[in-house]
Every structure is written in structure tokens, then in C-alpha cells.
Amino acid sequence: MSGKQQNEKSIVLESGSACTISGEWEVQGNITTISYVSKGHLMPLYCGKKVKWILLKSG
């Protein structure tokens, strides 16, 4: 996960849910991508599938 350890304070959202914090989000898993999502927008699908997104950096 981009050199960051996931811990209990990580913010994780699933595709299709409303974004609660604008920022850079990374797909959880072996093959990842990073996407900027604005607060209130729906978390995107990845390769047409629902995934879990982890907040890397707010802003």
C-alpha cells in the first residue's frame, strides 16, 4: 500500500458509497491505482468491479 501501513485509523470506503473526505484514494489489493475523489461524489468502480478505497491524503 504505497509504503503506508494500514491501521485502525485508516478511512476505507467501498465503490458506490459517497465520498466523505476529498483527497487521494488508493484501491486496496495487489493491483492498485490512485484516484482523486471529491467529497460527496460516489467512490468509483475499478476495472468495472466494486473495490475498497483507502484514503492516502486528504485535500
N, C-alpha and C. Protein backbone atom coordinates (compact mmCIF):
# COMPACT_ATOMS: atom_id res chain seq x y z
N MET A 1 0.83 -1.19 0.00
CA MET A 1 0.00 0.00 0.00
C MET A 1 0.88 1.25 0.00
N SER A 2 1.54 1.53 -1.02
CA SER A 2 2.36 2.73 -1.19
C SER A 2 3.25 3.04 0.01
N GLY A 3 3.78 2.00 0.66
CA GLY A 3 4.69 2.21 1.77
C GLY A 3 4.02 2.59 3.08
N LYS A 4 2.71 2.74 3.08
CA LYS A 4 1.99 3.09 4.30
C LYS A 4 1.39 1.85 4.92
N GLN A 5 1.46 1.74 6.22
CA GLN A 5 0.83 0.63 6.92
C GLN A 5 -0.63 0.99 7.18
N GLN A 6 -1.54 0.05 6.91
CA GLN A 6 -2.95 0.28 7.22
C GLN A 6 -3.14 0.04 8.70
N ASN A 7 -3.86 0.94 9.36
CA ASN A 7 -4.13 0.76 10.79
C ASN A 7 -5.58 1.06 11.08
N GLU A 8 -5.94 1.02 12.36
CA GLU A 8 -7.33 1.22 12.74
C GLU A 8 -7.84 2.62 12.44
N LYS A 9 -6.95 3.58 12.16
CA LYS A 9 -7.37 4.94 11.86
C LYS A 9 -7.58 5.17 10.36
N SER A 10 -7.31 4.17 9.53
CA SER A 10 -7.49 4.31 8.09
C SER A 10 -8.96 4.52 7.76
N ILE A 11 -9.20 5.35 6.76
CA ILE A 11 -10.56 5.57 6.29
C ILE A 11 -10.72 4.75 5.01
N VAL A 12 -11.66 3.82 5.04
CA VAL A 12 -11.90 2.91 3.92
C VAL A 12 -13.35 3.05 3.48
N LEU A 13 -13.54 3.23 2.16
CA LEU A 13 -14.88 3.31 1.59
C LEU A 13 -14.99 2.34 0.42
N GLU A 14 -16.18 1.84 0.18
CA GLU A 14 -16.42 0.90 -0.91
C GLU A 14 -16.96 1.65 -2.13
N SER A 15 -16.66 1.12 -3.31
CA SER A 15 -17.20 1.68 -4.55
C SER A 15 -18.71 1.84 -4.43
N GLY A 16 -19.22 2.97 -4.92
CA GLY A 16 -20.65 3.23 -4.89
C GLY A 16 -21.11 4.02 -3.68
N SER A 17 -20.28 4.09 -2.63
CA SER A 17 -20.66 4.88 -1.46
C SER A 17 -20.21 6.33 -1.65
N ALA A 18 -20.83 7.23 -0.92
CA ALA A 18 -20.50 8.66 -1.04
C ALA A 18 -19.16 8.94 -0.37
N CYS A 19 -18.33 9.70 -1.05
CA CYS A 19 -17.03 10.07 -0.51
C CYS A 19 -17.23 11.05 0.65
N THR A 20 -16.59 10.78 1.78
CA THR A 20 -16.77 11.61 2.97
C THR A 20 -15.67 12.66 3.13
N ILE A 21 -14.54 12.46 2.45
CA ILE A 21 -13.41 13.39 2.54
C ILE A 21 -12.76 13.49 1.17
N SER A 22 -12.62 14.71 0.65
CA SER A 22 -11.92 14.90 -0.62
C SER A 22 -10.46 14.53 -0.44
N GLY A 23 -9.90 13.85 -1.44
CA GLY A 23 -8.49 13.52 -1.37
C GLY A 23 -8.07 12.43 -2.33
N GLU A 24 -6.84 11.94 -2.12
CA GLU A 24 -6.29 10.87 -2.93
C GLU A 24 -6.62 9.53 -2.28
N TRP A 25 -7.23 8.66 -3.06
CA TRP A 25 -7.66 7.35 -2.58
C TRP A 25 -6.96 6.27 -3.38
N GLU A 26 -6.61 5.16 -2.70
CA GLU A 26 -5.93 4.04 -3.35
C GLU A 26 -6.78 2.78 -3.20
N VAL A 27 -6.83 1.99 -4.28
CA VAL A 27 -7.54 0.71 -4.23
C VAL A 27 -6.78 -0.24 -3.33
N GLN A 28 -7.50 -0.96 -2.47
CA GLN A 28 -6.90 -1.96 -1.61
C GLN A 28 -6.77 -3.25 -2.40
N GLY A 29 -5.57 -3.85 -2.40
CA GLY A 29 -5.36 -5.11 -3.10
C GLY A 29 -3.98 -5.19 -3.71
N ASN A 30 -3.74 -6.27 -4.47
CA ASN A 30 -2.43 -6.49 -5.08
C ASN A 30 -2.15 -5.53 -6.22
N ILE A 31 -3.15 -5.28 -7.05
CA ILE A 31 -3.00 -4.33 -8.16
C ILE A 31 -3.78 -3.09 -7.77
N THR A 32 -3.10 -1.95 -7.70
CA THR A 32 -3.76 -0.75 -7.20
C THR A 32 -3.67 0.40 -8.18
N THR A 33 -4.47 1.39 -7.91
CA THR A 33 -4.42 2.66 -8.61
C THR A 33 -4.79 3.74 -7.60
N ILE A 34 -4.45 4.95 -7.91
CA ILE A 34 -4.77 6.09 -7.06
C ILE A 34 -5.67 7.03 -7.83
N SER A 35 -6.69 7.54 -7.16
CA SER A 35 -7.64 8.45 -7.80
C SER A 35 -8.01 9.56 -6.83
N TYR A 36 -8.18 10.78 -7.37
CA TYR A 36 -8.67 11.88 -6.55
C TYR A 36 -10.20 11.85 -6.60
N VAL A 37 -10.84 11.88 -5.44
CA VAL A 37 -12.30 11.88 -5.37
C VAL A 37 -12.72 13.03 -4.46
N SER A 38 -13.68 13.82 -4.92
CA SER A 38 -14.19 14.95 -4.15
C SER A 38 -15.31 14.52 -3.21
N LYS A 39 -15.38 15.18 -2.06
CA LYS A 39 -16.41 14.91 -1.07
C LYS A 39 -17.79 14.99 -1.72
N GLY A 40 -18.63 14.01 -1.43
CA GLY A 40 -19.99 13.97 -1.96
C GLY A 40 -20.13 13.16 -3.24
N HIS A 41 -19.03 12.95 -3.96
CA HIS A 41 -19.07 12.14 -5.17
C HIS A 41 -19.06 10.67 -4.79
N LEU A 42 -19.54 9.82 -5.70
CA LEU A 42 -19.54 8.39 -5.44
C LEU A 42 -18.15 7.83 -5.67
N MET A 43 -17.75 6.91 -4.80
CA MET A 43 -16.47 6.23 -4.97
C MET A 43 -16.57 5.38 -6.22
N PRO A 44 -15.55 5.45 -7.08
CA PRO A 44 -15.63 4.77 -8.37
C PRO A 44 -15.40 3.26 -8.31
N LEU A 45 -15.85 2.60 -9.38
CA LEU A 45 -15.52 1.20 -9.60
C LEU A 45 -14.08 1.14 -10.08
N TYR A 46 -13.44 -0.02 -9.98
CA TYR A 46 -12.10 -0.22 -10.53
C TYR A 46 -12.17 -1.42 -11.47
N CYS A 47 -11.88 -1.18 -12.73
CA CYS A 47 -11.98 -2.23 -13.76
C CYS A 47 -13.38 -2.84 -13.78
N GLY A 48 -14.40 -2.00 -13.55
CA GLY A 48 -15.79 -2.45 -13.59
C GLY A 48 -16.26 -3.22 -12.37
N LYS A 49 -15.44 -3.25 -11.32
CA LYS A 49 -15.80 -4.02 -10.11
C LYS A 49 -15.79 -3.13 -8.87
N LYS A 50 -16.61 -3.55 -7.89
CA LYS A 50 -16.60 -2.86 -6.60
C LYS A 50 -15.31 -3.20 -5.87
N VAL A 51 -14.69 -2.17 -5.29
CA VAL A 51 -13.45 -2.35 -4.54
C VAL A 51 -13.51 -1.51 -3.27
N LYS A 52 -12.54 -1.70 -2.41
CA LYS A 52 -12.41 -0.86 -1.22
C LYS A 52 -11.32 0.17 -1.49
N TRP A 53 -11.60 1.42 -1.19
CA TRP A 53 -10.68 2.52 -1.37
C TRP A 53 -10.17 2.99 0.00
N ILE A 54 -8.88 3.25 0.08
CA ILE A 54 -8.25 3.71 1.32
C ILE A 54 -7.75 5.13 1.11
N LEU A 55 -8.10 6.05 2.02
CA LEU A 55 -7.66 7.42 1.92
C LEU A 55 -6.16 7.51 2.18
N LEU A 56 -5.43 8.06 1.21
CA LEU A 56 -3.98 8.26 1.36
C LEU A 56 -3.68 9.65 1.88
N LYS A 57 -4.37 10.65 1.30
CA LYS A 57 -4.06 12.05 1.61
C LYS A 57 -5.32 12.88 1.40
N SER A 58 -5.74 13.58 2.44
CA SER A 58 -6.92 14.44 2.30
C SER A 58 -6.51 15.76 1.67
N GLY A 59 -7.51 16.41 1.07
CA GLY A 59 -7.22 17.72 0.49
C GLY A 59 -7.78 17.95 -0.82
